[in-house]
Protein backbone atom coordinates (compact mmCIF):
# COMPACT_ATOMS: atom_id res chain seq x y z
CA MET A 1 151.09 112.26 -46.72
CA SER A 2 150.09 113.07 -50.31
CA ASP A 3 151.50 111.39 -53.40
CA ARG A 4 154.28 113.99 -53.34
CA LEU A 5 157.64 112.28 -52.85
CA GLU A 6 159.36 113.48 -49.70
CA PHE A 7 162.72 111.94 -50.63
CA PRO A 8 162.76 111.75 -54.45
CA ASP A 9 166.55 111.76 -54.87
CA GLY A 10 167.76 109.82 -51.84
CA VAL A 11 169.03 111.18 -48.52
CA VAL A 12 171.06 109.97 -45.57
CA ARG A 13 169.73 110.66 -42.09
CA VAL A 14 170.72 109.63 -38.57
CA THR A 15 168.48 108.03 -35.97
CA PRO A 16 167.51 110.21 -32.98
CA LEU A 17 169.02 110.12 -29.51
CA VAL A 18 166.87 110.66 -26.43
CA GLY A 19 167.22 114.22 -25.17
CA VAL A 20 169.26 115.44 -28.16
CA PRO A 21 167.45 117.79 -30.59
CA ASP A 22 168.69 117.09 -34.12
CA SER A 23 167.18 118.43 -37.33
CA GLN A 24 169.10 115.81 -39.34
CA SER A 25 167.58 112.83 -37.54
CA ILE A 26 164.51 110.82 -38.51
CA SER A 27 162.39 108.88 -36.05
CA LEU A 28 160.89 105.49 -36.78
CA SER A 29 157.38 106.98 -36.66
CA THR A 30 158.28 109.59 -39.27
CA LEU A 31 160.01 107.02 -41.47
CA LEU A 32 157.04 104.62 -41.37
CA ASP A 33 154.25 107.22 -41.60
CA ALA A 34 151.80 104.60 -40.31
CA GLN A 35 148.70 106.63 -41.14
CA HIS A 36 149.30 106.23 -44.89
CA LEU A 37 151.24 102.94 -44.90
CA GLN A 38 149.44 100.25 -46.94
CA SER A 39 151.91 97.37 -46.52
CA ALA A 40 155.55 96.83 -45.60
CA LEU A 41 158.50 94.48 -45.87
CA LEU A 42 160.74 94.89 -42.82
CA THR A 43 163.98 93.00 -42.23
CA SER A 44 166.35 93.18 -39.27
CA PHE A 45 168.75 90.97 -37.32
CA ILE A 46 166.56 91.52 -34.25
CA ILE A 47 162.95 92.70 -34.23
CA ASP A 48 161.22 93.73 -31.03
CA THR A 49 157.78 93.01 -32.43
CA ASN A 50 155.73 94.57 -29.64
CA TRP A 51 157.74 97.80 -29.85
CA LEU A 52 157.63 97.81 -33.66
CA LEU A 53 153.88 97.16 -33.81
CA SER A 54 153.26 100.12 -31.51
CA HIS A 55 154.34 102.26 -34.49
CA ILE A 56 152.08 100.53 -37.07
CA GLN A 57 148.31 100.37 -37.40
CA PRO A 58 146.86 96.91 -36.63
CA HIS A 59 145.36 96.30 -40.09
CA THR A 60 148.56 96.97 -42.08
CA PRO A 61 149.89 93.82 -43.84
CA LEU A 62 153.50 93.14 -42.84
CA THR A 63 156.16 90.77 -44.14
CA LEU A 64 158.87 90.38 -41.51
CA ILE A 65 162.32 88.79 -41.73
CA ALA A 66 164.63 88.43 -38.74
CA ASN A 67 167.46 86.14 -37.75
CA GLN A 68 164.88 84.12 -35.86
CA ALA A 69 161.12 84.34 -36.38
CA GLN A 70 159.30 85.46 -33.26
CA SER A 71 155.82 85.34 -31.85
CA THR A 72 153.78 88.50 -32.37
CA SER A 73 151.13 90.41 -30.51
CA SER A 74 147.60 89.11 -30.89
CA LEU A 75 146.58 92.74 -31.58
CA HIS A 76 148.21 92.52 -35.02
CA GLN A 77 147.03 89.50 -37.01
CA ASN A 78 148.19 90.53 -40.50
CA ILE A 79 151.83 89.40 -40.25
CA SER A 80 153.76 86.95 -42.42
CA TRP A 81 157.16 85.76 -41.27
CA CYS A 82 159.59 84.95 -44.07
CA ASN A 83 162.42 82.46 -43.51
CA PRO A 84 165.59 82.75 -45.63
CA GLU A 85 167.62 79.65 -46.42
CA PHE A 86 170.31 78.62 -43.91
CA VAL A 87 172.68 75.76 -44.66
CA VAL A 88 174.41 76.10 -41.28
CA PRO A 89 171.67 77.63 -39.07
CA ASN A 90 173.74 78.02 -35.91
CA VAL A 91 176.56 79.82 -37.73
CA GLN A 92 175.07 81.73 -40.66
CA ILE A 93 172.92 84.72 -39.77
CA MET A 94 170.32 87.04 -41.32
CA HIS A 95 171.72 90.53 -40.72
CA THR A 96 170.02 92.51 -43.53
CA LYS A 97 168.27 95.73 -42.47
CA LEU A 98 165.86 96.78 -45.21
CA MET A 99 162.48 98.50 -45.43
CA LEU A 100 160.15 98.52 -48.43
CA LEU A 101 157.18 100.67 -47.46
CA VAL A 102 154.17 100.87 -49.76
CA TYR A 103 151.91 103.95 -49.86
CA PRO A 104 149.05 104.90 -52.20
CA GLY A 105 151.31 106.55 -54.80
CA HIS A 106 154.87 105.55 -54.01
CA VAL A 107 157.24 103.05 -52.42
CA ARG A 108 159.82 104.04 -49.84
CA PHE A 109 163.13 102.18 -49.96
CA ALA A 110 165.18 102.42 -46.77
CA ILE A 111 168.49 100.85 -45.81
CA LEU A 112 169.22 100.83 -42.07
CA THR A 113 172.34 100.20 -40.03
CA GLY A 114 170.41 99.50 -36.84
CA ASN A 115 167.93 96.91 -35.68
CA LEU A 116 164.20 97.28 -35.16
CA VAL A 117 164.54 97.58 -31.41
CA GLU A 118 163.92 100.60 -29.22
CA GLU A 119 167.56 101.11 -28.22
CA GLY A 120 168.60 101.37 -31.88
CA TRP A 121 166.38 104.45 -32.23
CA THR A 122 166.99 106.10 -28.86
CA VAL A 123 170.38 105.41 -27.19
CA VAL A 124 172.78 104.37 -29.98
CA GLN A 125 173.07 106.27 -33.23
CA ASN A 126 172.55 104.67 -36.62
CA SER A 127 172.25 105.76 -40.25
CA VAL A 128 169.30 105.50 -42.65
CA PHE A 129 169.39 105.85 -46.43
CA ILE A 130 165.93 106.75 -47.78
CA GLN A 131 164.55 107.20 -51.27
CA ASP A 132 160.95 107.40 -52.48
CA PHE A 133 159.91 106.04 -55.90
CA PRO A 134 156.61 106.57 -57.78
CA LEU A 135 154.15 103.65 -57.77
CA ASP A 136 151.56 103.20 -60.52
CA TYR A 137 149.68 99.89 -60.76
CA THR A 138 148.42 100.79 -64.23
CA ARG A 139 151.93 100.76 -65.66
CA VAL A 140 154.85 98.34 -65.95
CA PHE A 141 158.17 100.17 -65.83
CA SER A 142 161.36 99.06 -67.56
CA ALA A 143 163.91 97.41 -65.30
CA ASN A 144 167.21 99.09 -64.57
CA GLU A 145 170.33 98.13 -62.63
CA PHE A 146 168.82 99.19 -59.30
CA SER A 147 165.47 97.43 -59.71
CA THR A 148 167.15 94.25 -60.96
CA SER A 149 169.57 94.21 -58.02
CA LEU A 150 166.72 94.82 -55.60
CA ALA A 151 164.58 92.03 -57.07
CA LEU A 152 167.47 89.56 -56.92
CA SER A 153 168.16 90.59 -53.33
CA LEU A 154 164.57 89.92 -52.34
CA HIS A 155 164.62 86.54 -54.06
CA ASP A 156 167.80 85.72 -52.13
CA LEU A 157 165.92 86.43 -48.90
CA SER A 158 163.05 84.14 -50.00
CA VAL A 159 160.63 87.05 -50.08
CA PRO A 160 157.26 85.96 -51.56
CA TYR A 161 156.87 86.56 -55.29
CA SER A 162 153.74 88.61 -54.66
CA VAL A 163 155.90 91.19 -52.89
CA VAL A 164 158.68 91.13 -55.49
CA ALA A 165 156.20 91.43 -58.39
CA ARG A 166 155.08 94.82 -57.10
CA LEU A 167 158.45 96.23 -58.17
CA ASN A 168 157.28 96.03 -61.80
CA HIS A 169 154.95 98.94 -61.06
CA VAL A 170 157.60 101.13 -59.42
CA ASP A 171 159.53 103.75 -61.38
CA PHE A 172 163.17 103.44 -60.29
CA THR A 173 164.48 105.86 -62.93
CA ARG A 174 165.90 108.28 -60.35
CA ALA A 175 167.81 105.62 -58.39
CA ARG A 176 171.49 106.52 -58.13
CA ALA A 177 172.63 104.36 -55.22
CA ARG A 178 174.07 100.91 -55.96
CA ILE A 179 172.94 97.89 -53.97
CA VAL A 180 175.50 95.53 -52.41
CA THR A 181 174.41 92.27 -50.77
CA THR A 182 175.87 89.15 -49.23
CA VAL A 183 174.24 85.71 -49.13
CA PRO A 184 175.58 82.75 -47.08
CA THR A 185 177.63 80.15 -48.93
CA GLY A 186 176.08 76.75 -49.56
CA GLY A 187 172.55 77.75 -50.42
CA LYS A 188 170.81 77.13 -53.71
CA ARG A 189 170.85 80.74 -54.89
CA VAL A 190 174.40 81.66 -53.91
CA HIS A 191 175.81 79.20 -56.44
CA MET A 192 174.08 81.11 -59.24
CA ASN A 193 175.50 84.48 -58.21
CA MET A 194 178.78 83.76 -56.39
CA GLU A 195 180.57 86.72 -57.98
CA SER A 196 177.71 89.10 -57.18
CA TYR A 197 178.08 89.26 -53.41
CA GLY A 198 180.19 90.83 -50.70
CA MET A 199 183.52 92.40 -51.56
CA LEU A 200 183.35 91.10 -55.14
CA ARG A 201 180.08 92.94 -55.71
CA LEU A 202 181.68 96.02 -54.15
CA ALA A 203 184.56 95.71 -56.64
CA HIS A 204 182.09 95.59 -59.53
CA VAL A 205 180.24 98.68 -58.28
CA VAL A 206 183.36 100.74 -57.54
CA ASP A 207 184.88 99.80 -60.90
CA GLN A 208 182.39 102.21 -62.47
CA LEU A 209 184.57 105.03 -61.08
CA ASN A 210 187.81 103.50 -62.32
CA THR A 211 189.67 105.47 -64.97
CA GLN A 212 192.99 103.64 -64.66
CA LYS A 213 194.03 100.82 -66.94
CA ALA A 214 194.99 97.58 -65.23
CA GLU A 215 198.67 97.91 -66.13
CA GLU A 216 198.73 101.49 -64.73
CA TRP A 217 196.89 100.77 -61.51
CA GLU A 218 198.29 102.11 -58.27
CA PRO A 219 196.42 102.00 -54.94
CA ASP A 220 195.37 105.47 -53.83
CA ALA A 221 192.28 105.01 -51.61
CA ARG A 222 191.99 105.83 -47.92
CA LEU A 223 189.26 103.79 -46.27
CA TYR A 224 187.61 104.65 -42.98
CA CYS A 225 185.60 101.55 -42.02
CA ILE A 226 183.33 101.70 -39.00
CA GLY A 227 181.08 99.06 -37.49
CA SER A 228 179.65 97.72 -34.26
CA SER A 229 181.23 94.26 -34.49
CA LEU A 230 184.94 93.46 -34.65
CA GLY A 231 185.79 90.57 -36.94
CA LYS A 232 188.65 88.13 -37.42
CA LEU A 233 190.85 90.41 -39.49
CA ASP A 234 194.29 89.69 -40.91
CA THR A 235 196.60 91.35 -43.42
CA ASN A 236 195.65 89.11 -46.36
CA TRP A 237 191.95 89.85 -45.88
CA LEU A 238 192.59 93.59 -45.58
CA ARG A 239 194.63 93.47 -48.80
CA ASP A 240 191.87 91.64 -50.69
CA PHE A 241 189.28 94.13 -49.47
CA TYR A 242 191.54 97.07 -50.32
CA MET A 243 191.93 95.84 -53.88
CA CYS A 244 188.17 95.35 -54.22
CA ALA A 245 187.67 98.88 -52.89
CA HIS A 246 189.58 100.10 -55.96
CA GLY A 247 187.36 98.08 -58.29
CA TRP A 248 189.81 95.21 -58.83
CA ASP A 249 189.06 91.51 -58.29
CA PRO A 250 192.06 89.88 -56.55
CA GLN A 251 190.93 86.30 -57.21
CA PRO A 252 192.95 85.60 -60.38
CA LEU A 253 196.18 86.48 -58.52
CA ALA A 254 198.14 84.28 -56.16
CA LEU A 255 198.68 85.61 -52.65
CA ASN A 256 202.30 86.57 -53.33
CA ALA A 257 201.27 88.43 -56.48
CA ARG A 258 198.66 90.38 -54.52
CA ALA A 259 201.30 91.22 -51.89
CA SER A 260 203.70 92.51 -54.54
CA ILE A 261 201.01 94.79 -56.00
CA VAL A 262 199.80 96.02 -52.60
CA PRO A 263 202.53 95.66 -49.95
CA GLU A 264 201.37 95.74 -46.34
CA ASN A 265 202.53 99.34 -45.86
CA MET A 266 200.27 100.49 -48.72
CA ILE A 267 197.04 99.08 -47.25
CA ASP A 268 195.49 102.37 -46.15
CA ILE A 269 192.56 101.18 -44.04
CA ALA A 270 191.35 102.62 -40.76
CA VAL A 271 189.28 100.12 -38.78
CA ALA A 272 187.25 102.46 -36.59
CA PHE A 273 185.89 100.87 -33.43
CA PRO A 274 184.91 102.33 -30.04
CA THR A 275 187.41 101.89 -27.25
CA HIS A 276 186.62 100.58 -23.80
CA SER A 277 186.64 104.09 -22.37
CA ASP A 278 184.38 105.36 -25.18
CA VAL A 279 181.71 102.78 -24.41
CA ALA A 280 182.10 102.66 -20.64
CA THR A 281 181.58 106.42 -20.30
CA ASN A 282 178.65 106.79 -22.73
CA VAL A 283 175.78 108.85 -21.34
CA TYR A 284 173.17 106.13 -21.88
CA GLY A 285 175.02 103.43 -19.93
CA LYS A 286 174.36 99.70 -20.28
CA PRO A 287 171.43 99.91 -22.74
CA ALA A 288 173.90 101.28 -25.32
CA MET A 289 176.87 99.09 -24.33
CA GLN A 290 175.11 95.84 -25.26
CA TYR A 291 175.24 96.65 -28.99
CA VAL A 292 179.04 96.80 -29.28
CA MET A 293 180.41 93.38 -30.19
CA ALA A 294 184.10 92.50 -29.79
CA LYS A 295 185.90 89.53 -28.29
CA GLN A 296 189.24 89.88 -26.55
CA ASN A 297 190.63 86.65 -28.02
CA VAL A 298 189.92 87.93 -31.54
CA TYR A 299 191.73 91.21 -30.94
CA GLU A 300 194.69 89.55 -29.23
CA ASN A 301 195.23 86.99 -31.98
CA PRO A 302 198.82 87.47 -33.26
CA LYS A 303 197.51 87.90 -36.82
CA PHE A 304 195.11 90.71 -35.92
CA PRO A 305 196.30 94.01 -37.48
CA LYS A 306 196.24 96.23 -34.40
CA SER A 307 198.05 99.00 -36.24
CA CYS A 308 194.87 99.54 -38.31
CA MET A 309 192.71 100.37 -35.29
CA PHE A 310 191.40 103.94 -35.17
CA ARG A 311 189.28 105.98 -32.78
CA VAL A 312 185.60 106.79 -33.31
CA GLN A 313 184.55 110.42 -32.95
CA PRO A 314 180.76 110.45 -32.46
CA ARG A 315 178.72 113.33 -33.86
CA VAL A 316 177.25 113.63 -30.35
CA ASN A 317 179.87 113.40 -27.62
CA ARG A 318 179.84 110.45 -25.24
CA THR A 319 177.48 108.37 -27.31
CA VAL A 320 177.84 104.99 -29.00
CA VAL A 321 177.86 104.83 -32.80
CA HIS A 322 176.21 101.67 -34.16
CA THR A 323 176.48 102.62 -37.84
CA LYS A 324 178.17 100.37 -40.38
CA ALA A 325 179.85 102.54 -43.01
CA ILE A 326 182.87 102.92 -45.24
CA VAL A 327 184.14 106.36 -46.21
CA ALA A 328 186.47 105.97 -49.19
CA ARG A 329 188.64 108.87 -50.36
CA THR A 330 190.49 108.47 -53.64
CA GLY A 331 192.77 110.36 -55.98
CA GLU A 332 195.75 112.60 -55.42
CA ARG A 333 193.76 115.26 -53.54
CA GLN A 334 191.60 112.72 -51.67
CA ASN A 335 188.53 114.90 -52.25
CA ARG A 336 186.41 112.39 -54.16
CA GLY A 337 185.35 108.80 -53.66
CA TRP A 338 182.40 106.79 -52.42
CA VAL A 339 180.47 105.92 -49.26
CA TYR A 340 178.95 102.61 -48.19
CA LEU A 341 176.05 102.43 -45.69
CA GLY A 342 174.17 99.32 -44.64
CA SER A 343 174.20 96.21 -42.50
CA HIS A 344 177.74 95.02 -43.36
CA ASN A 345 180.14 95.26 -40.46
CA PHE A 346 183.77 95.41 -41.55
CA THR A 347 184.23 91.66 -41.10
CA PRO A 348 184.95 88.60 -43.27
CA ALA A 349 181.61 87.13 -42.17
CA ALA A 350 179.80 90.09 -43.76
CA TRP A 351 181.96 90.85 -46.80
CA GLY A 352 183.23 87.35 -47.50
CA ARG A 353 186.64 85.74 -47.53
CA LEU A 354 188.38 84.94 -50.82
CA GLN A 355 189.78 81.42 -50.61
CA ARG A 356 192.71 80.41 -52.77
CA GLY A 357 191.63 77.98 -55.48
CA GLU A 358 188.06 77.88 -54.17
CA SER A 359 184.89 79.95 -54.32
CA PRO A 360 184.56 82.80 -51.80
CA TYR A 361 183.02 82.02 -48.43
CA TYR A 362 180.14 84.22 -47.22
CA ASN A 363 178.55 83.74 -43.81
CA ASN A 364 175.76 86.32 -43.50
CA TYR A 365 172.79 87.82 -45.24
CA GLU A 366 173.69 91.51 -45.59
CA MET A 367 172.54 94.51 -47.62
CA GLY A 368 173.67 98.07 -48.14
CA VAL A 369 174.07 100.85 -50.67
CA VAL A 370 177.13 102.46 -52.23
CA LEU A 371 176.94 106.16 -53.02
CA LEU A 372 179.30 106.77 -55.95
CA ASP A 373 181.04 109.97 -56.98
CA VAL A 374 180.99 111.50 -53.52
CA LYS A 375 182.76 114.83 -52.97
CA TYR A 376 184.62 115.61 -49.76
CA GLU A 377 185.54 118.88 -48.13
CA CYS A 378 188.57 118.32 -45.94
CA ARG A 379 190.11 120.36 -43.16
CA SER A 380 193.26 118.30 -43.47
CA GLN A 381 194.45 114.99 -44.86
CA ASP A 382 193.13 113.25 -41.75
CA CYS A 383 189.80 115.04 -41.31
CA VAL A 384 186.71 115.19 -43.54
CA SER A 385 184.43 118.12 -42.69
CA LYS A 386 181.68 117.63 -45.29
CA ILE A 387 180.43 114.85 -47.57
CA VAL A 388 178.25 115.63 -50.60
CA TRP A 389 176.47 113.16 -52.88
CA GLU A 390 174.14 114.20 -55.70
CA ASN A 391 174.23 117.79 -54.35
CA THR A 392 172.98 116.59 -50.97
CA ASN A 393 174.91 116.53 -47.69
CA VAL A 394 175.56 113.03 -46.38
CA VAL A 395 174.93 113.21 -42.63
CA LEU A 396 176.76 110.58 -40.59
CA PRO A 397 176.68 109.97 -36.81
CA PHE A 398 180.48 110.19 -36.66
CA SER A 399 183.26 112.36 -38.00
CA PRO A 400 185.69 110.49 -40.29
CA VAL A 401 188.84 111.58 -38.46
CA TRP A 402 191.92 109.42 -38.92
CA VAL A 403 193.15 109.20 -35.30
CA PRO A 404 194.87 105.89 -34.46
CA TYR A 405 194.47 104.05 -31.17
CA GLY A 406 196.81 105.23 -28.45
CA ARG A 407 199.17 102.87 -26.67
CA SER A 408 196.68 102.25 -23.85
CA ASP A 409 193.59 102.01 -26.07
CA ALA A 410 191.73 98.75 -26.66
CA PRO A 411 188.30 97.93 -28.07
CA TYR A 412 185.36 97.52 -25.74
CA PHE A 413 185.04 93.77 -25.15
CA ASN A 414 181.45 92.77 -24.63
CA PRO A 415 181.29 90.34 -21.67
CA ASP A 416 178.06 88.82 -22.96
CA ILE A 417 179.70 87.28 -26.04
CA GLN A 418 182.80 85.72 -24.49
């Protein structure tokens, strides 16, 4: 690799599937480019260190963050494990999936939806957002919204200052994506930035698209929200998220006031999750099934909004989609909007829960990007055929098709998490 930037403007790719040729996919080896890699920060809920290190040269300095630090191969001695702050270690989790890859003349920023394990790059399909930025140690570049958000996010994860300081020498001028993070409640840093996380951060980012005045606001977004974990959803939480997805902070309003502004029948959210038959008949079998997380008692709770459940249509038939994404269509023609990609599942644990009269509660470390001012080409009101951001096609491992669960459909309930 030369100093030429391969991804100067940001692209979205999918991870490969074994036996499926795909020009829009990117392998871990290609993403890392180990031959030219000088150092790396890699974060993931789970890291299979032996598998990961088989893709990296032994001398390369690595900073690793996972939900639990692990022992590493004796063949690779240049590893530092970083431990984020946990106030409730057995409940709060580190779910962020980020790469900062340093090369001689640039830094590669990558947001993943999958873990650093072999199955996440072979038998379930994930998304990767990638952008390369120039690196020049002889210069100090002015900070912008992206670089500031990234630096704060790294501080939240307790990343060493020596790693964060390198950002001063990176030119983030061409960054267009917006970073959204979540940090668990109760820690030292979360109290400083309570309004800057989860769905409230999303509201702040999306508000940049808002042209309506508060007194004129009417909900018009259609949200297609896909993930690999099914959370404890209820109507009040969906309403709060739906308001944030329009750029409005619901916190100043009482619950009844929120309900009068957005009645239940106006909450246009599709919670896309694979059904039992989808997962049970996938071509890769049990290795793919283990990464779908849903509990039967959560789904059968009387407050769970079953009417919001929608089918998943994988880009490759009979495969499991592990991506976490939100496709938001807005306006009268529903041909514009935004897309979220990252580690956030569509759950209160990831996006936070707004508590009446109290600060929001966040459970996880999460990170993703929002692509603003997306354009959609639609075959019909319920089917998006093409997504374009910054004149580039956004390739997703699923088709955002609004098809609700049938009467006999139910999510795949993972027996290992009962």
